[in-house]
């Protein structure tokens, strides 16, 4: 049986998505659709992040795109660890 997240957990996640900015556009990650959804596993004490990665087929842009993406995802993970120090944060 899957439980829903409590309102405080949702508030903290929304706060992280609002304050982490994508450096090229300076828009919050929550507005860009980079994060698709979150899943919380209470038994494993884990928060799973389902990300929608950037897609660039051009070789010249691929490396830069991946570097920016990696930086943004690391920042999201870092901010989530501040909000939820007792949880394991994992990207799926």
PDB file of N, CA and C in Angstrom:
ATOM      1  N   UNK A   1       0.841  -1.182   0.000  1.00  0.00           N
ATOM      2  CA  UNK A   1       0.000   0.000   0.000  1.00  0.00           C
ATOM      3  C   UNK A   1       0.884   1.243   0.000  1.00  0.00           C
ATOM      4  N   UNK A   2       0.653   2.107  -0.934  1.00  0.00           N
ATOM      5  CA  UNK A   2       1.467   3.312  -1.068  1.00  0.00           C
ATOM      6  C   UNK A   2       0.832   4.456  -0.287  1.00  0.00           C
ATOM      7  N   UNK A   3       1.654   5.107   0.541  1.00  0.00           N
ATOM      8  CA  UNK A   3       1.187   6.255   1.310  1.00  0.00           C
ATOM      9  C   UNK A   3       1.533   7.531   0.555  1.00  0.00           C
ATOM     10  N   UNK A   4       0.747   8.551   0.785  1.00  0.00           N
ATOM     11  CA  UNK A   4       1.078   9.848   0.204  1.00  0.00           C
ATOM     12  C   UNK A   4       2.024  10.579   1.150  1.00  0.00           C
ATOM     13  N   UNK A   5       2.767  11.506   0.596  1.00  0.00           N
ATOM     14  CA  UNK A   5       3.686  12.303   1.414  1.00  0.00           C
ATOM     15  C   UNK A   5       2.879  13.244   2.296  1.00  0.00           C
ATOM     16  N   UNK A   6       3.417  13.509   3.476  1.00  0.00           N
ATOM     17  CA  UNK A   6       2.723  14.448   4.344  1.00  0.00           C
ATOM     18  C   UNK A   6       2.918  15.874   3.816  1.00  0.00           C
ATOM     19  N   UNK A   7       2.032  16.787   4.183  1.00  0.00           N
ATOM     20  CA  UNK A   7       2.089  18.155   3.658  1.00  0.00           C
ATOM     21  C   UNK A   7       3.410  18.873   3.939  1.00  0.00           C
ATOM     22  N   UNK A   8       4.027  18.601   5.081  1.00  0.00           N
ATOM     23  CA  UNK A   8       5.305  19.253   5.404  1.00  0.00           C
ATOM     24  C   UNK A   8       6.406  18.795   4.456  1.00  0.00           C
ATOM     25  N   UNK A   9       6.418  17.515   4.110  1.00  0.00           N
ATOM     26  CA  UNK A   9       7.408  17.000   3.168  1.00  0.00           C
ATOM     27  C   UNK A   9       7.197  17.648   1.793  1.00  0.00           C
ATOM     28  N   UNK A  10       5.963  17.749   1.375  1.00  0.00           N
ATOM     29  CA  UNK A  10       5.649  18.380   0.085  1.00  0.00           C
ATOM     30  C   UNK A  10       6.080  19.839   0.097  1.00  0.00           C
ATOM     31  N   UNK A  11       5.830  20.535   1.197  1.00  0.00           N
ATOM     32  CA  UNK A  11       6.224  21.945   1.305  1.00  0.00           C
ATOM     33  C   UNK A  11       7.730  22.110   1.174  1.00  0.00           C
ATOM     34  N   UNK A  12       8.489  21.232   1.827  1.00  0.00           N
ATOM     35  CA  UNK A  12       9.951  21.305   1.761  1.00  0.00           C
ATOM     36  C   UNK A  12      10.461  21.013   0.349  1.00  0.00           C
ATOM     37  N   UNK A  13       9.880  20.025  -0.308  1.00  0.00           N
ATOM     38  CA  UNK A  13      10.281  19.705  -1.682  1.00  0.00           C
ATOM     39  C   UNK A  13       9.975  20.886  -2.599  1.00  0.00           C
ATOM     40  N   UNK A  14       8.787  21.467  -2.463  1.00  0.00           N
ATOM     41  CA  UNK A  14       8.425  22.632  -3.275  1.00  0.00           C
ATOM     42  C   UNK A  14       9.378  23.796  -3.028  1.00  0.00           C
ATOM     43  N   UNK A  15       9.796  23.959  -1.785  1.00  0.00           N
ATOM     44  CA  UNK A  15      10.744  25.019  -1.446  1.00  0.00           C
ATOM     45  C   UNK A  15      12.077  24.814  -2.161  1.00  0.00           C
ATOM     46  N   UNK A  16      12.567  23.582  -2.168  1.00  0.00           N
ATOM     47  CA  UNK A  16      13.824  23.269  -2.867  1.00  0.00           C
ATOM     48  C   UNK A  16      13.671  23.546  -4.358  1.00  0.00           C
ATOM     49  N   UNK A  17      12.576  23.094  -4.953  1.00  0.00           N
ATOM     50  CA  UNK A  17      12.360  23.294  -6.392  1.00  0.00           C
ATOM     51  C   UNK A  17      12.218  24.770  -6.749  1.00  0.00           C
ATOM     52  N   UNK A  18      11.814  25.574  -5.793  1.00  0.00           N
ATOM     53  CA  UNK A  18      11.700  27.008  -6.029  1.00  0.00           C
ATOM     54  C   UNK A  18      13.004  27.762  -5.877  1.00  0.00           C
ATOM     55  N   UNK A  19      13.895  27.272  -5.036  1.00  0.00           N
ATOM     56  CA  UNK A  19      15.129  28.030  -4.790  1.00  0.00           C
ATOM     57  C   UNK A  19      16.330  27.567  -5.606  1.00  0.00           C
ATOM     58  N   UNK A  20      16.305  26.342  -6.138  1.00  0.00           N
ATOM     59  CA  UNK A  20      17.406  25.881  -6.992  1.00  0.00           C
ATOM     60  C   UNK A  20      17.149  26.404  -8.399  1.00  0.00           C
ATOM     61  N   UNK A  21      18.102  27.154  -8.923  1.00  0.00           N
ATOM     62  CA  UNK A  21      17.952  27.782 -10.246  1.00  0.00           C
ATOM     63  C   UNK A  21      18.832  27.100 -11.283  1.00  0.00           C
ATOM     64  N   UNK A  22      18.310  27.020 -12.485  1.00  0.00           N
ATOM     65  CA  UNK A  22      19.090  26.551 -13.627  1.00  0.00           C
ATOM     66  C   UNK A  22      19.927  27.746 -14.070  1.00  0.00           C
ATOM     67  N   UNK A  23      21.256  27.602 -14.159  1.00  0.00           N
ATOM     68  CA  UNK A  23      22.127  28.758 -14.353  1.00  0.00           C
ATOM     69  C   UNK A  23      21.979  29.488 -15.690  1.00  0.00           C
ATOM     70  N   UNK A  24      21.585  28.821 -16.739  1.00  0.00           N
ATOM     71  CA  UNK A  24      21.471  29.481 -18.042  1.00  0.00           C
ATOM     72  C   UNK A  24      20.255  30.394 -18.120  1.00  0.00           C
ATOM     73  N   UNK A  25      19.143  29.936 -17.585  1.00  0.00           N
ATOM     74  CA  UNK A  25      17.902  30.713 -17.661  1.00  0.00           C
ATOM     75  C   UNK A  25      17.605  31.465 -16.365  1.00  0.00           C
ATOM     76  N   UNK A  26      18.249  31.051 -15.285  1.00  0.00           N
ATOM     77  CA  UNK A  26      18.020  31.581 -13.940  1.00  0.00           C
ATOM     78  C   UNK A  26      16.577  31.353 -13.470  1.00  0.00           C
ATOM     79  N   UNK A  27      15.946  30.342 -14.044  1.00  0.00           N
ATOM     80  CA  UNK A  27      14.594  29.974 -13.628  1.00  0.00           C
ATOM     81  C   UNK A  27      14.666  28.849 -12.596  1.00  0.00           C
ATOM     82  N   UNK A  28      13.691  28.807 -11.681  1.00  0.00           N
ATOM     83  CA  UNK A  28      13.659  27.714 -10.707  1.00  0.00           C
ATOM     84  C   UNK A  28      13.468  26.366 -11.400  1.00  0.00           C
ATOM     85  N   UNK A  29      14.118  25.360 -10.870  1.00  0.00           N
ATOM     86  CA  UNK A  29      14.030  24.009 -11.417  1.00  0.00           C
ATOM     87  C   UNK A  29      12.573  23.549 -11.476  1.00  0.00           C
ATOM     88  N   UNK A  30      11.776  23.945 -10.512  1.00  0.00           N
ATOM     89  CA  UNK A  30      10.371  23.549 -10.483  1.00  0.00           C
ATOM     90  C   UNK A  30       9.559  24.058 -11.656  1.00  0.00           C
ATOM     91  N   UNK A  31      10.002  25.133 -12.296  1.00  0.00           N
ATOM     92  CA  UNK A  31       9.290  25.691 -13.445  1.00  0.00           C
ATOM     93  C   UNK A  31       9.752  25.100 -14.767  1.00  0.00           C
ATOM     94  N   UNK A  32      10.852  24.394 -14.773  1.00  0.00           N
ATOM     95  CA  UNK A  32      11.448  23.930 -16.026  1.00  0.00           C
ATOM     96  C   UNK A  32      11.071  22.504 -16.414  1.00  0.00           C
ATOM     97  N   UNK A  33      10.445  21.777 -15.535  1.00  0.00           N
ATOM     98  CA  UNK A  33      10.074  20.402 -15.853  1.00  0.00           C
ATOM     99  C   UNK A  33      11.242  19.437 -15.833  1.00  0.00           C
ATOM    100  N   UNK A  34      12.340  19.830 -15.203  1.00  0.00           N
ATOM    101  CA  UNK A  34      13.514  18.959 -15.113  1.00  0.00           C
ATOM    102  C   UNK A  34      13.225  17.775 -14.190  1.00  0.00           C
ATOM    103  N   UNK A  35      12.479  18.033 -13.127  1.00  0.00           N
ATOM    104  CA  UNK A  35      12.102  16.979 -12.190  1.00  0.00           C
ATOM    105  C   UNK A  35      10.680  16.537 -12.535  1.00  0.00           C
ATOM    106  N   UNK A  36      10.523  15.239 -12.824  1.00  0.00           N
ATOM    107  CA  UNK A  36       9.204  14.720 -13.190  1.00  0.00           C
ATOM    108  C   UNK A  36       8.357  14.421 -11.964  1.00  0.00           C
ATOM    109  N   UNK A  37       8.952  13.698 -11.002  1.00  0.00           N
ATOM    110  CA  UNK A  37       8.200  13.341  -9.801  1.00  0.00           C
ATOM    111  C   UNK A  37       9.154  12.874  -8.712  1.00  0.00           C
ATOM    112  N   UNK A  38       8.593  12.755  -7.516  1.00  0.00           N
ATOM    113  CA  UNK A  38       9.307  12.236  -6.356  1.00  0.00           C
ATOM    114  C   UNK A  38       8.536  11.035  -5.821  1.00  0.00           C
ATOM    115  N   UNK A  39       9.274  10.101  -5.261  1.00  0.00           N
ATOM    116  CA  UNK A  39       8.669   8.970  -4.557  1.00  0.00           C
ATOM    117  C   UNK A  39       9.379   8.838  -3.221  1.00  0.00           C
ATOM    118  N   UNK A  40       8.604   8.620  -2.190  1.00  0.00           N
ATOM    119  CA  UNK A  40       9.160   8.444  -0.855  1.00  0.00           C
ATOM    120  C   UNK A  40       8.899   7.019  -0.405  1.00  0.00           C
ATOM    121  N   UNK A  41       9.961   6.336   0.016  1.00  0.00           N
ATOM    122  CA  UNK A  41       9.844   4.983   0.552  1.00  0.00           C
ATOM    123  C   UNK A  41      10.142   5.068   2.043  1.00  0.00           C
ATOM    124  N   UNK A  42       9.094   5.024   2.827  1.00  0.00           N
ATOM    125  CA  UNK A  42       9.234   5.180   4.277  1.00  0.00           C
ATOM    126  C   UNK A  42      10.062   4.051   4.884  1.00  0.00           C
ATOM    127  N   UNK A  43       9.856   2.834   4.416  1.00  0.00           N
ATOM    128  CA  UNK A  43      10.576   1.670   4.945  1.00  0.00           C
ATOM    129  C   UNK A  43      12.088   1.805   4.721  1.00  0.00           C
ATOM    130  N   UNK A  44      12.490   2.250   3.539  1.00  0.00           N
ATOM    131  CA  UNK A  44      13.918   2.397   3.214  1.00  0.00           C
ATOM    132  C   UNK A  44      14.473   3.762   3.596  1.00  0.00           C
ATOM    133  N   UNK A  45      13.591   4.664   4.043  1.00  0.00           N
ATOM    134  CA  UNK A  45      13.999   6.037   4.394  1.00  0.00           C
ATOM    135  C   UNK A  45      14.704   6.687   3.209  1.00  0.00           C
ATOM    136  N   UNK A  46      14.065   6.587   2.042  1.00  0.00           N
ATOM    137  CA  UNK A  46      14.666   7.080   0.805  1.00  0.00           C
ATOM    138  C   UNK A  46      13.674   7.953   0.042  1.00  0.00           C
ATOM    139  N   UNK A  47      14.221   8.992  -0.573  1.00  0.00           N
ATOM    140  CA  UNK A  47      13.454   9.867  -1.452  1.00  0.00           C
ATOM    141  C   UNK A  47      14.028   9.692  -2.851  1.00  0.00           C
ATOM    142  N   UNK A  48      13.193   9.246  -3.777  1.00  0.00           N
ATOM    143  CA  UNK A  48      13.627   8.992  -5.146  1.00  0.00           C
ATOM    144  C   UNK A  48      13.187  10.152  -6.034  1.00  0.00           C
ATOM    145  N   UNK A  49      14.112  10.613  -6.862  1.00  0.00           N
ATOM    146  CA  UNK A  49      13.852  11.726  -7.766  1.00  0.00           C
ATOM    147  C   UNK A  49      13.872  11.199  -9.189  1.00  0.00           C
ATOM    148  N   UNK A  50      12.788  11.406  -9.893  1.00  0.00           N
ATOM    149  CA  UNK A  50      12.702  11.020 -11.298  1.00  0.00           C
ATOM    150  C   UNK A  50      12.917  12.284 -12.122  1.00  0.00           C
ATOM    151  N   UNK A  51      14.044  12.330 -12.825  1.00  0.00           N
ATOM    152  CA  UNK A  51      14.419  13.528 -13.568  1.00  0.00           C
ATOM    153  C   UNK A  51      14.186  13.345 -15.058  1.00  0.00           C
ATOM    154  N   UNK A  52      13.839  14.448 -15.699  1.00  0.00           N
ATOM    155  CA  UNK A  52      13.674  14.497 -17.139  1.00  0.00           C
ATOM    156  C   UNK A  52      14.907  15.214 -17.682  1.00  0.00           C
ATOM    157  N   UNK A  53      15.871  14.446 -18.153  1.00  0.00           N
ATOM    158  CA  UNK A  53      17.138  15.044 -18.574  1.00  0.00           C
ATOM    159  C   UNK A  53      16.980  15.815 -19.869  1.00  0.00           C
ATOM    160  N   UNK A  54      17.859  16.788 -20.017  1.00  0.00           N
ATOM    161  CA  UNK A  54      17.882  17.574 -21.248  1.00  0.00           C
ATOM    162  C   UNK A  54      18.244  16.654 -22.403  1.00  0.00           C
ATOM    163  N   UNK A  55      17.723  16.935 -23.545  1.00  0.00           N
ATOM    164  CA  UNK A  55      18.089  16.139 -24.717  1.00  0.00           C
ATOM    165  C   UNK A  55      18.704  17.017 -25.790  1.00  0.00           C
ATOM    166  N   UNK A  56      19.942  16.774 -26.107  1.00  0.00           N
ATOM    167  CA  UNK A  56      20.597  17.493 -27.192  1.00  0.00           C
ATOM    168  C   UNK A  56      21.337  16.483 -28.037  1.00  0.00           C
ATOM    169  N   UNK A  57      21.030  16.474 -29.298  1.00  0.00           N
ATOM    170  CA  UNK A  57      21.680  15.529 -30.191  1.00  0.00           C
ATOM    171  C   UNK A  57      22.932  16.120 -30.832  1.00  0.00           C
ATOM    172  N   UNK A  58      23.127  17.405 -30.688  1.00  0.00           N
ATOM    173  CA  UNK A  58      24.303  18.041 -31.277  1.00  0.00           C
ATOM    174  C   UNK A  58      25.519  17.777 -30.397  1.00  0.00           C
ATOM    175  N   UNK A  59      26.571  17.281 -31.014  1.00  0.00           N
ATOM    176  CA  UNK A  59      27.783  16.932 -30.267  1.00  0.00           C
ATOM    177  C   UNK A  59      28.382  18.141 -29.568  1.00  0.00           C
ATOM    178  N   UNK A  60      28.318  19.293 -30.198  1.00  0.00           N
ATOM    179  CA  UNK A  60      28.921  20.491 -29.612  1.00  0.00           C
ATOM    180  C   UNK A  60      28.216  20.915 -28.325  1.00  0.00           C
ATOM    181  N   UNK A  61      26.940  20.640 -28.238  1.00  0.00           N
ATOM    182  CA  UNK A  61      26.154  21.072 -27.078  1.00  0.00           C
ATOM    183  C   UNK A  61      26.036  19.999 -26.002  1.00  0.00           C
ATOM    184  N   UNK A  62      26.268  18.768 -26.367  1.00  0.00           N
ATOM    185  CA  UNK A  62      26.021  17.654 -25.458  1.00  0.00           C
ATOM    186  C   UNK A  62      26.824  17.776 -24.167  1.00  0.00           C
ATOM    187  N   UNK A  63      28.113  18.024 -24.278  1.00  0.00           N
ATOM    188  CA  UNK A  63      28.969  18.092 -23.094  1.00  0.00           C
ATOM    189  C   UNK A  63      28.565  19.244 -22.178  1.00  0.00           C
ATOM    190  N   UNK A  64      28.343  20.395 -22.752  1.00  0.00           N
ATOM    191  CA  UNK A  64      27.951  21.558 -21.948  1.00  0.00           C
ATOM    192  C   UNK A  64      26.607  21.300 -21.272  1.00  0.00           C
ATOM    193  N   UNK A  65      25.677  20.739 -22.023  1.00  0.00           N
ATOM    194  CA  UNK A  65      24.357  20.427 -21.474  1.00  0.00           C
ATOM    195  C   UNK A  65      24.466  19.462 -20.305  1.00  0.00           C
ATOM    196  N   UNK A  66      25.261  18.425 -20.461  1.00  0.00           N
ATOM    197  CA  UNK A  66      25.421  17.433 -19.393  1.00  0.00           C
ATOM    198  C   UNK A  66      26.108  18.032 -18.167  1.00  0.00           C
ATOM    199  N   UNK A  67      27.059  18.930 -18.372  1.00  0.00           N
ATOM    200  CA  UNK A  67      27.720  19.587 -17.237  1.00  0.00           C
ATOM    201  C   UNK A  67      26.736  20.449 -16.454  1.00  0.00           C
ATOM    202  N   UNK A  68      25.921  21.204 -17.173  1.00  0.00           N
ATOM    203  CA  UNK A  68      24.915  22.041 -16.517  1.00  0.00           C
ATOM    204  C   UNK A  68      23.908  21.161 -15.786  1.00  0.00           C
ATOM    205  N   UNK A  69      23.459  20.116 -16.466  1.00  0.00           N
ATOM    206  CA  UNK A  69      22.497  19.190 -15.871  1.00  0.00           C
ATOM    207  C   UNK A  69      23.052  18.567 -14.588  1.00  0.00           C
ATOM    208  N   UNK A  70      24.292  18.131 -14.635  1.00  0.00           N
ATOM    209  CA  UNK A  70      24.928  17.520 -13.471  1.00  0.00           C
ATOM    210  C   UNK A  70      25.008  18.509 -12.315  1.00  0.00           C
ATOM    211  N   UNK A  71      25.377  19.740 -12.618  1.00  0.00           N
ATOM    212  CA  UNK A  71      25.478  20.774 -11.594  1.00  0.00           C
ATOM    213  C   UNK A  71      24.115  21.042 -10.950  1.00  0.00           C
ATOM    214  N   UNK A  72      23.083  21.153 -11.768  1.00  0.00           N
ATOM    215  CA  UNK A  72      21.736  21.407 -11.253  1.00  0.00           C
ATOM    216  C   UNK A  72      21.271  20.244 -10.380  1.00  0.00           C
ATOM    217  N   UNK A  73      21.470  19.024 -10.841  1.00  0.00           N
ATOM    218  CA  UNK A  73      21.033  17.854 -10.074  1.00  0.00           C
ATOM    219  C   UNK A  73      21.796  17.728  -8.756  1.00  0.00           C
ATOM    220  N   UNK A  74      23.087  18.035  -8.770  1.00  0.00           N
ATOM    221  CA  UNK A  74      23.866  18.018  -7.523  1.00  0.00           C
ATOM    222  C   UNK A  74      23.353  19.069  -6.549  1.00  0.00           C
ATOM    223  N   UNK A  75      22.980  20.226  -7.078  1.00  0.00           N
ATOM    224  CA  UNK A  75      22.446  21.293  -6.231  1.00  0.00           C
ATOM    225  C   UNK A  75      21.092  20.874  -5.642  1.00  0.00           C
ATOM    226  N   UNK A  76      20.230  20.260  -6.455  1.00  0.00           N
ATOM    227  CA  UNK A  76      18.944  19.761  -5.961  1.00  0.00           C
ATOM    228  C   UNK A  76      19.174  18.746  -4.845  1.00  0.00           C
ATOM    229  N   UNK A  77      20.075  17.809  -5.080  1.00  0.00           N
ATOM    230  CA  UNK A  77      20.356  16.774  -4.079  1.00  0.00           C
ATOM    231  C   UNK A  77      20.894  17.389  -2.787  1.00  0.00           C
ATOM    232  N   UNK A  78      21.796  18.348  -2.911  1.00  0.00           N
ATOM    233  CA  UNK A  78      22.367  19.017  -1.747  1.00  0.00           C
ATOM    234  C   UNK A  78      21.287  19.738  -0.933  1.00  0.00           C
ATOM    235  N   UNK A  79      20.409  20.440  -1.614  1.00  0.00           N
ATOM    236  CA  UNK A  79      19.339  21.163  -0.921  1.00  0.00           C
ATOM    237  C   UNK A  79      18.337  20.202  -0.281  1.00  0.00           C
ATOM    238  N   UNK A  80      18.054  19.092  -0.947  1.00  0.00           N
ATOM    239  CA  UNK A  80      17.157  18.096  -0.353  1.00  0.00           C
ATOM    240  C   UNK A  80      17.788  17.456   0.879  1.00  0.00           C
ATOM    241  N   UNK A  81      19.106  17.232   0.857  1.00  0.00           N
ATOM    242  CA  UNK A  81      19.798  16.681   2.031  1.00  0.00           C
ATOM    243  C   UNK A  81      19.718  17.647   3.211  1.00  0.00           C
ATOM    244  N   UNK A  82      19.723  18.946   2.941  1.00  0.00           N
ATOM    245  CA  UNK A  82      19.571  19.929   4.024  1.00  0.00           C
ATOM    246  C   UNK A  82      18.178  19.833   4.645  1.00  0.00           C
ATOM    247  N   UNK A  83      17.180  19.647   3.800  1.00  0.00           N
ATOM    248  CA  UNK A  83      15.798  19.568   4.279  1.00  0.00           C
ATOM    249  C   UNK A  83      15.475  18.218   4.918  1.00  0.00           C
ATOM    250  N   UNK A  84      16.104  17.148   4.397  1.00  0.00           N
ATOM    251  CA  UNK A  84      15.822  15.789   4.854  1.00  0.00           C
ATOM    252  C   UNK A  84      17.121  15.049   5.176  1.00  0.00           C
ATOM    253  N   UNK A  85      17.842  15.464   6.218  1.00  0.00           N
ATOM    254  CA  UNK A  85      19.137  14.832   6.514  1.00  0.00           C
ATOM    255  C   UNK A  85      19.030  13.353   6.883  1.00  0.00           C
ATOM    256  N   UNK A  86      17.852  12.924   7.296  1.00  0.00           N
ATOM    257  CA  UNK A  86      17.670  11.536   7.719  1.00  0.00           C
ATOM    258  C   UNK A  86      17.360  10.596   6.550  1.00  0.00           C
ATOM    259  N   UNK A  87      17.166  11.144   5.356  1.00  0.00           N
ATOM    260  CA  UNK A  87      16.794  10.325   4.199  1.00  0.00           C
ATOM    261  C   UNK A  87      17.959  10.125   3.238  1.00  0.00           C
ATOM    262  N   UNK A  88      17.898   9.027   2.506  1.00  0.00           N
ATOM    263  CA  UNK A  88      18.794   8.800   1.378  1.00  0.00           C
ATOM    264  C   UNK A  88      18.120   9.428   0.165  1.00  0.00           C
ATOM    265  N   UNK A  89      18.865  10.252  -0.573  1.00  0.00           N
ATOM    266  CA  UNK A  89      18.330  10.911  -1.766  1.00  0.00           C
ATOM    267  C   UNK A  89      18.920  10.215  -2.985  1.00  0.00           C
ATOM    268  N   UNK A  90      18.044   9.730  -3.871  1.00  0.00           N
ATOM    269  CA  UNK A  90      18.522   8.996  -5.048  1.00  0.00           C
ATOM    270  C   UNK A  90      17.831   9.481  -6.310  1.00  0.00           C
ATOM    271  N   UNK A  91      18.625   9.639  -7.371  1.00  0.00           N
ATOM    272  CA  UNK A  91      18.061   9.924  -8.690  1.00  0.00           C
ATOM    273  C   UNK A  91      17.776   8.617  -9.399  1.00  0.00           C
ATOM    274  N   UNK A  92      16.648   8.549 -10.073  1.00  0.00           N
ATOM    275  CA  UNK A  92      16.242   7.343 -10.796  1.00  0.00           C
ATOM    276  C   UNK A  92      16.214   7.657 -12.279  1.00  0.00           C
TER     277      UNK A  92
END
